[in-house]
Protein backbone atom coordinates (compact mmCIF):
# COMPACT_ATOMS: atom_id res chain seq x y z
CA MET A 1 5.95 66.31 31.54
CA VAL A 2 6.88 67.92 28.23
CA LEU A 3 4.74 68.32 25.15
CA GLU A 4 6.31 67.55 21.80
CA VAL A 5 4.79 69.67 19.05
CA ALA A 6 5.70 68.62 15.52
CA LEU A 7 4.53 70.69 12.55
CA ILE A 8 4.40 68.35 9.56
CA ASP A 9 3.73 69.44 5.98
CA VAL A 10 2.90 66.62 3.60
CA LEU A 11 3.01 66.49 -0.18
CA PRO A 12 -0.14 67.78 -1.89
CA GLY A 13 -2.42 64.84 -2.59
CA ALA A 14 -0.73 62.66 0.06
CA GLU A 15 -3.02 63.62 2.95
CA SER A 16 -5.02 60.38 2.93
CA ALA A 17 -1.95 58.17 2.51
CA PHE A 18 -0.25 60.06 5.36
CA THR A 19 -3.18 59.59 7.74
CA GLN A 20 -3.33 55.87 6.89
CA ALA A 21 0.42 55.52 7.52
CA TYR A 22 0.06 57.41 10.80
CA GLY A 23 -2.68 54.96 11.82
CA GLN A 24 -0.10 52.17 11.56
CA ALA A 25 2.84 54.13 12.96
CA LYS A 26 1.27 55.60 16.08
CA GLU A 27 1.52 52.33 18.02
CA LEU A 28 5.31 52.57 17.70
CA ILE A 29 5.17 55.56 20.06
CA ALA A 30 2.04 54.85 22.08
CA THR A 31 3.48 51.68 23.62
CA LEU A 32 6.82 53.21 24.70
CA PRO A 33 7.75 53.87 28.32
CA GLY A 34 7.70 57.61 28.93
CA ALA A 35 5.12 58.32 26.21
CA GLY A 36 1.69 59.57 27.22
CA ALA A 37 -1.25 61.00 25.33
CA MET A 38 -0.77 61.39 21.59
CA ARG A 39 -2.81 63.27 19.03
CA MET A 40 -2.52 64.17 15.33
CA THR A 41 -4.52 67.07 13.92
CA GLN A 42 -5.00 68.21 10.32
CA GLY A 43 -5.24 71.80 9.15
CA VAL A 44 -8.63 73.05 8.07
CA GLU A 45 -7.39 75.95 5.94
CA THR A 46 -4.23 74.08 4.94
CA PRO A 47 -5.10 70.36 4.71
CA THR A 48 -1.51 69.42 3.85
CA ARG A 49 -0.39 70.65 7.30
CA PHE A 50 -0.57 68.36 10.32
CA VAL A 51 0.34 68.89 13.96
CA LEU A 52 1.49 65.96 16.08
CA LEU A 53 1.20 66.37 19.85
CA VAL A 54 2.88 63.84 22.14
CA GLU A 55 3.15 64.07 25.92
CA TRP A 56 6.46 62.68 27.15
CA ASP A 57 7.62 62.20 30.73
CA SER A 58 10.83 64.01 29.70
CA VAL A 59 12.79 65.26 26.70
CA GLU A 60 15.15 62.34 27.38
CA ASP A 61 12.28 59.88 26.84
CA HIS A 62 11.57 61.49 23.48
CA GLN A 63 15.27 61.35 22.59
CA ALA A 64 15.39 57.67 23.56
CA PHE A 65 12.64 57.06 20.99
CA ARG A 66 14.54 59.02 18.35
CA ASP A 67 17.65 56.92 19.06
CA SER A 68 15.72 53.64 18.83
CA GLU A 69 14.95 51.24 16.01
CA ARG A 70 11.28 52.21 16.35
CA PHE A 71 12.07 55.71 15.11
CA GLY A 72 13.40 54.26 11.86
CA GLN A 73 10.21 52.24 11.49
CA TRP A 74 8.13 55.35 12.27
CA ARG A 75 9.91 57.43 9.62
CA ALA A 76 9.74 54.61 7.06
CA LEU A 77 5.95 54.63 7.39
CA ILE A 78 5.19 58.35 7.46
CA GLY A 79 8.34 59.98 6.08
CA PRO A 80 7.69 59.32 2.37
CA HIS A 81 4.72 61.69 2.57
CA PHE A 82 6.67 64.64 4.03
CA ALA A 83 7.03 67.77 1.90
CA GLY A 84 10.05 68.70 4.05
CA PRO A 85 11.52 67.98 7.47
CA PRO A 86 9.05 68.42 10.35
CA HIS A 87 9.60 71.31 12.75
CA VAL A 88 9.71 69.85 16.28
CA GLU A 89 9.82 71.68 19.62
CA HIS A 90 9.16 70.77 23.24
CA PHE A 91 6.97 72.77 25.61
CA ALA A 92 6.48 72.71 29.39
CA ASP A 93 3.45 73.86 31.36
CA VAL A 94 3.70 77.22 33.11
């Protein structure tokens, strides 16, 4: 299992629109083979900063999503609210 951690900064004032878009978009990942638990958190001190956490069976499963049509749909829903490209890394348990 790998944990995808995506740091997402959204445009000031777009926090509510982003969370609504995420509410629609999350099913595009949640129903994929290889995807496990998924969680989005919002910054307390910096409310324009969000952290997406997705458990994947493997980095390859995450890459398969990124190469799929669903990724385009995902980005079309949430991407317009981004202040810049998300910073994404994968982590493994130790």
